[in-house]
N, C-alpha and C. Protein backbone atom coordinates (compact mmCIF):
# COMPACT_ATOMS: atom_id res chain seq x y z
N MET A 1 -5.78 -237.95 -3.79
CA MET A 1 -7.20 -237.67 -3.49
C MET A 1 -7.73 -238.49 -2.42
N PRO A 2 -8.01 -237.92 -1.13
CA PRO A 2 -8.69 -238.81 -0.17
C PRO A 2 -9.81 -239.70 -0.66
N LEU A 3 -10.03 -240.73 0.35
CA LEU A 3 -11.22 -241.47 -0.26
C LEU A 3 -12.36 -240.94 0.09
N LEU A 4 -12.40 -240.48 1.31
CA LEU A 4 -13.50 -239.58 2.12
C LEU A 4 -13.28 -238.18 2.30
N ASP A 5 -14.08 -237.34 2.29
CA ASP A 5 -13.96 -235.99 2.46
C ASP A 5 -14.23 -235.42 3.92
N THR A 6 -15.05 -236.16 4.86
CA THR A 6 -15.47 -236.11 6.25
C THR A 6 -15.70 -237.19 6.81
N CYS A 7 -16.03 -237.11 8.00
CA CYS A 7 -16.51 -238.15 9.03
C CYS A 7 -17.63 -237.75 9.59
N CYS A 8 -18.82 -238.35 9.05
CA CYS A 8 -20.07 -237.96 9.96
C CYS A 8 -20.25 -236.41 9.84
N GLY A 9 -19.87 -235.54 8.83
CA GLY A 9 -19.93 -234.24 9.14
C GLY A 9 -18.86 -233.53 9.69
N LEU A 10 -17.93 -234.15 10.12
CA LEU A 10 -16.77 -233.64 10.92
C LEU A 10 -15.40 -233.63 10.09
N SER A 11 -14.48 -232.95 10.30
CA SER A 11 -13.37 -233.36 9.31
C SER A 11 -12.69 -234.77 9.57
N LEU A 12 -11.96 -234.96 8.63
CA LEU A 12 -11.03 -236.45 8.74
C LEU A 12 -10.11 -236.37 9.94
N LYS A 13 -9.72 -235.18 10.21
CA LYS A 13 -8.79 -235.13 11.59
C LYS A 13 -9.46 -235.47 12.59
N VAL A 14 -10.60 -234.90 12.71
CA VAL A 14 -11.39 -235.16 14.06
C VAL A 14 -11.88 -236.50 14.13
N GLY A 15 -12.51 -236.95 13.00
CA GLY A 15 -12.85 -238.37 12.85
C GLY A 15 -11.79 -239.23 13.29
N SER A 16 -10.48 -238.96 12.88
CA SER A 16 -9.33 -239.92 13.19
C SER A 16 -9.11 -239.93 14.63
N VAL A 17 -9.10 -238.74 15.16
CA VAL A 17 -8.62 -238.32 16.66
C VAL A 17 -10.03 -239.27 17.31
N ILE A 18 -11.00 -239.05 16.90
CA ILE A 18 -12.23 -239.81 17.78
C ILE A 18 -11.97 -241.35 17.56
N THR A 19 -11.63 -241.92 16.44
CA THR A 19 -11.26 -243.23 16.27
C THR A 19 -10.08 -243.80 16.96
N GLY A 20 -9.20 -243.00 17.19
CA GLY A 20 -8.11 -243.17 18.17
C GLY A 20 -8.92 -243.31 19.63
N ILE A 21 -9.40 -242.56 19.94
CA ILE A 21 -10.07 -242.42 21.17
C ILE A 21 -11.00 -243.74 21.52
N LEU A 22 -11.91 -243.86 20.65
CA LEU A 22 -12.80 -244.97 20.66
C LEU A 22 -11.73 -246.32 20.94
N GLY A 23 -10.77 -246.25 20.02
CA GLY A 23 -9.79 -247.53 20.15
C GLY A 23 -9.33 -247.89 21.48
N MET A 24 -8.83 -246.95 22.03
CA MET A 24 -8.28 -246.64 23.47
C MET A 24 -9.28 -247.10 24.39
N LEU A 25 -10.49 -246.54 24.42
CA LEU A 25 -11.60 -246.84 25.29
C LEU A 25 -12.08 -248.24 25.39
N ILE A 26 -12.27 -248.61 23.95
CA ILE A 26 -12.65 -250.08 23.90
C ILE A 26 -11.79 -251.24 24.24
N GLY A 27 -10.52 -250.60 24.01
CA GLY A 27 -9.35 -251.63 24.32
C GLY A 27 -9.19 -251.80 25.75
N ALA A 28 -9.25 -250.64 26.41
CA ALA A 28 -8.93 -250.49 27.88
C ALA A 28 -10.12 -251.14 28.45
N THR A 29 -11.32 -250.83 28.35
CA THR A 29 -12.48 -251.44 28.61
C THR A 29 -12.68 -252.97 28.74
N THR A 30 -12.13 -253.66 27.46
CA THR A 30 -12.20 -254.86 27.24
C THR A 30 -10.93 -255.54 28.19
N LEU A 31 -9.95 -254.94 28.12
CA LEU A 31 -8.93 -255.30 29.19
C LEU A 31 -9.20 -255.59 30.28
N ILE A 32 -9.77 -254.82 31.03
CA ILE A 32 -10.29 -254.53 32.41
C ILE A 32 -11.32 -255.90 32.54
N PHE A 33 -12.18 -256.01 31.50
CA PHE A 33 -13.08 -257.01 31.72
C PHE A 33 -12.47 -258.55 31.55
N VAL A 34 -11.44 -258.67 30.70
CA VAL A 34 -10.88 -259.88 30.50
C VAL A 34 -10.03 -260.15 31.83
N LEU A 35 -9.47 -259.13 32.45
CA LEU A 35 -8.58 -259.47 33.68
C LEU A 35 -9.52 -259.79 34.96
N ILE A 36 -10.68 -259.11 35.08
CA ILE A 36 -11.65 -259.19 36.21
C ILE A 36 -12.49 -260.34 36.05
N SER A 37 -12.94 -260.78 34.92
CA SER A 37 -14.12 -261.82 34.64
C SER A 37 -13.61 -263.23 34.73
N ASN A 38 -14.50 -264.22 35.05
CA ASN A 38 -14.17 -265.59 34.95
C ASN A 38 -14.57 -266.21 33.65
N VAL A 39 -14.74 -265.39 32.60
CA VAL A 39 -15.50 -265.93 31.29
C VAL A 39 -14.37 -266.91 30.78
N LYS A 40 -14.57 -267.94 30.31
CA LYS A 40 -13.84 -268.94 29.67
C LYS A 40 -13.44 -268.48 28.43
N MET A 41 -12.39 -268.26 27.89
CA MET A 41 -11.95 -267.73 26.71
C MET A 41 -11.23 -268.89 25.76
N ARG A 42 -11.32 -269.10 24.54
CA ARG A 42 -10.74 -269.79 23.74
C ARG A 42 -10.24 -269.06 22.29
N THR A 43 -9.16 -269.84 22.01
CA THR A 43 -8.68 -269.40 20.65
C THR A 43 -9.42 -270.41 19.31
N ILE A 44 -9.53 -269.92 18.24
CA ILE A 44 -10.28 -270.69 17.41
C ILE A 44 -9.00 -271.63 16.87
N LEU A 45 -7.95 -271.39 16.74
CA LEU A 45 -7.01 -272.43 16.09
C LEU A 45 -6.27 -273.40 16.97
N ILE A 46 -5.90 -273.10 18.29
CA ILE A 46 -5.31 -273.93 19.07
C ILE A 46 -6.22 -273.82 20.47
N ASP A 47 -7.17 -274.99 20.42
CA ASP A 47 -8.11 -274.90 21.28
C ASP A 47 -7.44 -275.99 22.77
N THR A 48 -6.23 -276.20 22.62
CA THR A 48 -5.84 -276.98 24.03
C THR A 48 -5.05 -276.10 24.94
N LEU A 49 -4.93 -274.67 24.57
CA LEU A 49 -4.21 -273.91 25.53
C LEU A 49 -4.95 -273.56 26.75
N PRO A 50 -4.31 -273.36 27.84
CA PRO A 50 -4.71 -273.23 29.06
C PRO A 50 -5.59 -271.99 29.19
N PRO A 51 -6.81 -271.98 29.77
CA PRO A 51 -7.38 -270.42 29.77
C PRO A 51 -6.48 -269.35 30.22
N GLU A 52 -5.56 -269.55 31.12
CA GLU A 52 -4.71 -268.51 31.73
C GLU A 52 -3.88 -267.94 30.68
N ILE A 53 -3.32 -268.92 29.96
CA ILE A 53 -2.42 -268.56 28.80
C ILE A 53 -3.32 -267.91 27.78
N VAL A 54 -4.46 -268.09 27.25
CA VAL A 54 -5.42 -267.45 26.45
C VAL A 54 -5.68 -265.83 27.01
N LYS A 55 -5.79 -265.86 28.07
CA LYS A 55 -6.14 -264.61 28.86
C LYS A 55 -4.97 -263.71 28.79
N ILE A 56 -3.70 -264.15 28.95
CA ILE A 56 -2.58 -263.54 28.77
C ILE A 56 -2.22 -262.98 27.30
N ILE A 57 -2.68 -263.83 26.31
CA ILE A 57 -2.38 -263.60 24.82
C ILE A 57 -3.46 -262.19 24.67
N ILE A 58 -4.63 -262.50 25.07
CA ILE A 58 -5.85 -261.58 24.77
C ILE A 58 -5.35 -260.15 25.31
N ALA A 59 -4.88 -260.22 26.67
CA ALA A 59 -4.44 -259.18 27.37
C ALA A 59 -3.21 -258.31 26.54
N ILE A 60 -2.16 -259.12 26.11
CA ILE A 60 -1.08 -258.58 25.49
C ILE A 60 -1.67 -257.61 24.21
N ASN A 61 -2.65 -258.33 23.38
CA ASN A 61 -3.19 -257.82 22.19
C ASN A 61 -3.87 -256.47 22.63
N LEU A 62 -4.65 -256.55 23.78
CA LEU A 62 -5.46 -255.49 24.09
C LEU A 62 -4.55 -254.18 24.45
N VAL A 63 -3.31 -254.41 25.11
CA VAL A 63 -2.52 -253.46 25.68
C VAL A 63 -1.96 -252.91 24.22
N MET A 64 -1.52 -253.75 23.33
CA MET A 64 -1.14 -253.19 21.93
C MET A 64 -1.98 -252.31 21.26
N THR A 65 -3.12 -252.77 21.47
CA THR A 65 -4.32 -251.96 20.44
C THR A 65 -4.57 -250.68 21.24
N VAL A 66 -4.45 -250.49 22.60
CA VAL A 66 -4.50 -249.30 23.17
C VAL A 66 -3.40 -248.37 22.90
N PHE A 67 -2.17 -249.00 22.89
CA PHE A 67 -0.98 -248.42 22.40
C PHE A 67 -0.82 -247.85 21.20
N ILE A 68 -1.45 -248.71 20.16
CA ILE A 68 -1.25 -248.21 18.77
C ILE A 68 -2.71 -247.34 18.61
N SER A 69 -3.38 -247.37 19.14
CA SER A 69 -4.48 -246.45 19.16
C SER A 69 -4.06 -244.84 19.57
N LEU A 70 -3.10 -245.04 20.57
CA LEU A 70 -2.45 -243.75 21.26
C LEU A 70 -1.40 -243.29 20.08
N LEU A 71 -0.74 -244.08 19.36
CA LEU A 71 -0.13 -243.69 18.17
C LEU A 71 -0.69 -242.94 17.14
N LEU A 72 -2.13 -243.54 16.96
CA LEU A 72 -2.83 -242.87 15.93
C LEU A 72 -3.18 -241.41 16.27
N ILE A 73 -3.62 -241.26 17.34
CA ILE A 73 -3.97 -239.87 18.03
C ILE A 73 -2.53 -239.03 17.92
N VAL A 74 -1.43 -239.40 18.41
CA VAL A 74 -0.39 -238.66 18.32
C VAL A 74 -0.01 -238.20 16.97
N GLY A 75 -0.03 -239.31 16.00
CA GLY A 75 0.23 -238.96 14.41
C GLY A 75 -0.83 -238.12 13.86
N VAL A 76 -2.06 -237.98 14.07
CA VAL A 76 -2.93 -237.32 13.66
C VAL A 76 -2.72 -235.78 14.19
N LEU A 77 -2.48 -235.79 15.67
CA LEU A 77 -2.27 -234.46 16.02
C LEU A 77 -0.91 -233.77 15.51
N LYS A 78 0.17 -234.33 15.21
CA LYS A 78 1.47 -234.10 14.72
C LYS A 78 1.40 -234.04 13.18
N ARG A 79 0.41 -234.32 12.64
CA ARG A 79 0.22 -234.61 10.95
C ARG A 79 1.41 -235.31 10.65
N ASN A 80 1.78 -236.34 11.30
CA ASN A 80 2.41 -237.21 10.87
C ASN A 80 2.15 -238.75 10.47
N ARG A 81 2.15 -239.01 9.36
CA ARG A 81 1.40 -240.12 8.69
C ARG A 81 2.25 -241.47 9.24
N TRP A 82 3.47 -241.38 9.30
CA TRP A 82 4.35 -242.55 9.77
C TRP A 82 3.86 -242.99 11.20
N ILE A 83 3.54 -242.23 11.96
CA ILE A 83 3.20 -242.56 13.26
C ILE A 83 1.92 -243.21 13.16
N MET A 84 0.94 -242.91 12.37
CA MET A 84 -0.30 -243.33 11.88
C MET A 84 -0.34 -244.82 11.49
N LEU A 85 0.68 -244.98 10.55
CA LEU A 85 0.96 -246.46 9.87
C LEU A 85 0.54 -247.51 10.59
N PRO A 86 1.08 -247.77 11.78
CA PRO A 86 0.98 -249.03 12.61
C PRO A 86 -0.58 -249.16 12.55
N TRP A 87 -1.45 -248.30 13.04
CA TRP A 87 -2.71 -248.41 13.26
C TRP A 87 -3.61 -248.78 11.91
N VAL A 88 -3.10 -248.04 10.95
CA VAL A 88 -3.75 -248.26 9.62
C VAL A 88 -3.39 -249.74 9.10
N ILE A 89 -2.46 -250.41 9.26
CA ILE A 89 -2.02 -251.85 9.19
C ILE A 89 -2.78 -252.66 9.84
N LEU A 90 -2.61 -252.49 11.31
CA LEU A 90 -3.21 -253.40 12.29
C LEU A 90 -4.70 -253.46 12.09
N ALA A 91 -5.27 -252.19 11.89
CA ALA A 91 -6.77 -252.01 12.06
C ALA A 91 -7.49 -252.85 10.68
N ILE A 92 -6.70 -253.09 9.52
CA ILE A 92 -7.29 -253.74 8.60
C ILE A 92 -7.26 -255.23 8.86
N MET A 93 -6.16 -255.60 9.47
CA MET A 93 -5.82 -256.92 9.89
C MET A 93 -6.97 -257.58 10.84
N LEU A 94 -7.46 -256.51 11.95
CA LEU A 94 -8.17 -256.80 12.99
C LEU A 94 -9.63 -257.11 12.39
N ALA A 95 -9.96 -256.08 11.37
CA ALA A 95 -11.36 -256.25 10.79
C ALA A 95 -11.42 -257.58 10.19
N ILE A 96 -10.26 -258.17 9.35
CA ILE A 96 -10.55 -259.47 8.83
C ILE A 96 -10.49 -260.57 9.93
N GLY A 97 -9.76 -260.50 10.99
CA GLY A 97 -9.80 -261.42 12.00
C GLY A 97 -11.24 -261.41 12.60
N LEU A 98 -11.74 -260.21 12.74
CA LEU A 98 -13.04 -260.19 13.38
C LEU A 98 -14.18 -260.84 12.66
N ALA A 99 -14.06 -260.59 11.14
CA ALA A 99 -15.10 -261.39 10.47
C ALA A 99 -14.94 -262.64 10.69
N ILE A 100 -13.72 -263.19 10.57
CA ILE A 100 -13.57 -264.70 10.69
C ILE A 100 -14.12 -265.24 11.83
N SER A 101 -13.63 -264.47 12.95
CA SER A 101 -14.08 -265.01 14.21
C SER A 101 -15.79 -264.83 14.45
N ILE A 102 -16.37 -264.04 13.85
CA ILE A 102 -17.73 -263.78 14.00
C ILE A 102 -18.60 -264.85 13.00
N ILE A 103 -18.01 -265.26 11.96
CA ILE A 103 -18.51 -266.41 11.10
C ILE A 103 -18.34 -267.63 11.91
N TYR A 104 -17.01 -267.78 12.42
CA TYR A 104 -16.84 -268.99 13.18
C TYR A 104 -17.70 -269.46 14.35
N THR A 105 -17.97 -268.03 15.24
CA THR A 105 -18.74 -268.19 16.27
C THR A 105 -20.33 -268.49 15.89
N ALA A 106 -20.57 -267.63 14.95
CA ALA A 106 -22.08 -268.11 14.42
C ALA A 106 -22.21 -269.34 13.87
N VAL A 107 -21.37 -270.02 13.25
CA VAL A 107 -21.42 -271.53 12.91
C VAL A 107 -21.26 -272.34 14.04
N VAL A 108 -20.59 -272.04 14.93
CA VAL A 108 -20.70 -273.00 16.22
C VAL A 108 -22.33 -272.99 16.85
N PHE A 109 -22.67 -271.52 17.10
CA PHE A 109 -24.11 -271.26 17.41
C PHE A 109 -25.12 -272.29 16.66
N PHE A 110 -24.96 -272.16 15.25
CA PHE A 110 -25.95 -273.01 14.48
C PHE A 110 -25.79 -274.45 14.54
N ILE A 111 -24.51 -274.83 14.62
CA ILE A 111 -24.12 -276.45 14.85
C ILE A 111 -24.96 -276.85 16.17
N HIS A 112 -24.93 -276.04 17.37
CA HIS A 112 -25.64 -276.20 18.59
C HIS A 112 -27.02 -276.07 18.60
N LYS A 113 -27.66 -275.72 17.14
CA LYS A 113 -29.11 -275.50 17.12
C LYS A 113 -29.77 -274.27 18.09
N GLU A 114 -28.58 -273.28 18.14
CA GLU A 114 -28.89 -272.03 18.90
C GLU A 114 -29.11 -271.05 17.55
N VAL A 115 -30.23 -270.92 16.79
CA VAL A 115 -30.35 -270.30 15.52
C VAL A 115 -30.57 -268.60 15.90
N LEU A 116 -31.13 -268.42 17.07
CA LEU A 116 -31.34 -267.08 17.38
C LEU A 116 -29.95 -266.33 17.70
N SER A 117 -29.09 -267.27 18.64
CA SER A 117 -27.85 -266.42 18.87
C SER A 117 -27.06 -266.38 17.88
N GLY A 118 -27.16 -267.53 16.78
CA GLY A 118 -26.18 -267.23 15.68
C GLY A 118 -26.54 -266.34 14.84
N THR A 119 -27.86 -265.98 14.47
CA THR A 119 -28.17 -265.05 13.78
C THR A 119 -27.92 -263.78 14.21
N LEU A 120 -28.27 -263.49 15.59
CA LEU A 120 -27.68 -262.16 16.24
C LEU A 120 -26.41 -261.86 16.20
N TRP A 121 -25.81 -262.96 16.32
CA TRP A 121 -24.34 -262.96 16.48
C TRP A 121 -23.50 -262.31 15.04
N ILE A 122 -24.23 -262.73 13.89
CA ILE A 122 -23.98 -262.43 12.37
C ILE A 122 -24.44 -260.99 12.03
N ILE A 123 -25.77 -260.42 12.71
CA ILE A 123 -26.19 -259.48 12.43
C ILE A 123 -25.38 -258.16 13.26
N ILE A 124 -25.09 -258.46 14.49
CA ILE A 124 -24.44 -257.37 15.40
C ILE A 124 -23.16 -257.39 14.94
N GLY A 125 -22.59 -258.50 14.77
CA GLY A 125 -21.20 -258.64 14.30
C GLY A 125 -20.84 -257.89 13.12
N PHE A 126 -21.57 -258.13 11.89
CA PHE A 126 -21.46 -257.51 10.83
C PHE A 126 -21.67 -255.97 10.84
N LEU A 127 -22.33 -255.66 11.59
CA LEU A 127 -22.92 -254.14 11.85
C LEU A 127 -21.63 -253.51 12.38
N SER A 128 -21.11 -254.23 13.51
CA SER A 128 -19.94 -253.75 14.03
C SER A 128 -18.60 -253.62 13.18
N ILE A 129 -18.52 -254.72 12.25
CA ILE A 129 -17.47 -254.64 11.18
C ILE A 129 -17.48 -253.44 10.34
N ALA A 130 -19.00 -253.29 9.83
CA ALA A 130 -19.12 -252.00 9.01
C ALA A 130 -18.81 -250.85 9.68
N ILE A 131 -18.98 -250.49 10.92
CA ILE A 131 -18.50 -249.05 11.57
C ILE A 131 -17.18 -249.32 11.74
N TYR A 132 -16.65 -250.46 11.91
CA TYR A 132 -15.04 -250.59 12.12
C TYR A 132 -14.30 -250.11 10.78
N VAL A 133 -14.88 -250.86 9.94
CA VAL A 133 -14.18 -250.42 8.39
C VAL A 133 -14.60 -248.97 8.03
N TYR A 134 -15.80 -248.48 8.29
CA TYR A 134 -15.74 -247.23 7.93
C TYR A 134 -14.93 -246.11 8.81
N LEU A 135 -14.69 -246.35 10.01
CA LEU A 135 -13.55 -245.46 10.62
C LEU A 135 -12.04 -245.89 10.19
N TRP A 136 -11.93 -247.07 9.79
CA TRP A 136 -10.55 -247.39 9.05
C TRP A 136 -10.59 -246.58 7.83
N PHE A 137 -11.45 -246.35 7.11
CA PHE A 137 -11.59 -245.51 5.86
C PHE A 137 -11.25 -243.98 6.27
N VAL A 138 -11.97 -243.59 7.45
CA VAL A 138 -11.74 -242.36 7.85
C VAL A 138 -10.40 -242.13 7.93
N VAL A 139 -9.77 -242.96 8.92
CA VAL A 139 -8.25 -242.95 8.96
C VAL A 139 -7.39 -242.92 7.78
N TYR A 140 -7.63 -243.97 6.91
CA TYR A 140 -6.71 -244.19 5.74
C TYR A 140 -6.83 -242.78 4.93
N SER A 141 -8.39 -242.23 4.80
CA SER A 141 -8.26 -241.06 3.95
C SER A 141 -7.47 -239.76 4.35
N TYR A 142 -7.45 -239.71 5.69
CA TYR A 142 -6.76 -238.70 6.36
C TYR A 142 -5.08 -239.03 6.11
N TYR A 143 -4.75 -240.35 6.15
CA TYR A 143 -3.34 -240.66 6.04
C TYR A 143 -3.07 -240.26 4.63
N LYS A 144 -3.97 -240.54 3.59
CA LYS A 144 -3.77 -240.30 2.02
C LYS A 144 -3.43 -238.73 1.80
N LEU A 145 -4.38 -238.19 2.75
CA LEU A 145 -4.39 -236.79 2.52
C LEU A 145 -3.10 -236.00 2.82
N LEU A 146 -2.41 -236.33 4.25
CA LEU A 146 -1.29 -236.19 4.70
C LEU A 146 -0.29 -236.54 3.59
N GLU A 147 -0.39 -237.67 3.16
CA GLU A 147 0.48 -238.14 1.91
C GLU A 147 0.52 -237.28 0.66
N GLU A 148 -0.75 -236.92 0.42
CA GLU A 148 -0.76 -235.97 -0.91
C GLU A 148 -0.35 -234.47 -0.50
N GLU A 149 -0.60 -234.10 0.82
CA GLU A 149 -0.01 -232.76 1.23
C GLU A 149 1.36 -232.77 1.37
N LYS A 150 2.11 -233.83 1.42
CA LYS A 150 3.65 -233.98 1.76
C LYS A 150 4.04 -233.54 0.42
N GLY A 151 3.53 -233.92 -0.70
CA GLY A 151 4.16 -233.82 -2.12
C GLY A 151 3.94 -232.37 -2.43
N ARG A 152 3.10 -231.61 -1.93
CA ARG A 152 2.83 -230.27 -2.37
C ARG A 152 3.82 -229.31 -2.02
N GLY A 153 4.02 -228.17 -3.00
CA GLY A 153 5.07 -227.13 -2.46
C GLY A 153 4.34 -226.41 -1.46
N PRO A 154 5.31 -225.01 -1.11
CA PRO A 154 4.64 -224.25 -0.15
C PRO A 154 3.64 -223.56 -0.42
N TYR A 155 3.02 -223.47 -1.65
CA TYR A 155 1.77 -222.70 -2.02
C TYR A 155 0.58 -223.56 -2.34
N GLY A 156 0.74 -224.91 -1.80
CA GLY A 156 -0.31 -225.82 -1.96
C GLY A 156 -0.48 -226.38 -3.38
N ARG A 157 0.59 -226.38 -4.08
CA ARG A 157 0.48 -226.99 -5.54
C ARG A 157 1.79 -227.96 -5.46
N PRO A 158 1.62 -228.80 -6.36
CA PRO A 158 2.70 -229.87 -6.64
C PRO A 158 3.80 -228.95 -7.02
N PRO A 159 5.06 -229.31 -6.74
CA PRO A 159 6.33 -228.76 -6.98
C PRO A 159 6.60 -228.96 -8.69
N PRO A 160 7.15 -228.03 -9.16
CA PRO A 160 7.48 -227.92 -10.86
C PRO A 160 8.37 -229.15 -11.18
N ARG A 161 8.12 -229.91 -11.98
CA ARG A 161 9.03 -231.02 -12.68
C ARG A 161 9.92 -230.43 -13.52
N TYR A 162 11.06 -230.72 -13.43
CA TYR A 162 12.07 -230.24 -14.21
C TYR A 162 12.47 -231.60 -15.13
N HIS A 163 12.65 -231.31 -16.46
CA HIS A 163 12.93 -232.51 -17.32
C HIS A 163 14.49 -232.57 -17.78
């Protein structure tokens, strides 16, 4: 039984394709921004890495995000849940990582007495996570629907069990 029946009034299939397209667009746009901007980027755990290395790591992650989002679209269109699986796994891990990053960044803002920035970071960040997790549930629901359909016989019923 799928977790959701629709995505904002659309079918789970359409919602999953839209999610894949959004993932590709956001990943590609962020990749371009990372490559052409001079913004200093840091990692949370290893703060001693040179900025060029951090940029390369982020760029590789974004390229993989675009690729896995493309796999999601292909998997949805071909109704192949195994091709969708990398996105399903990666997306929930990214949601957890994003939540940690938002909390960490907000705490840094608060430590530096930038209360408004920290508060906005938390509000906008967790709103983004809520949307992201909803889209993950859409894709996961479609994934489970395909899994359920795989176990049905040619007439839409589960095959008989012989004991």
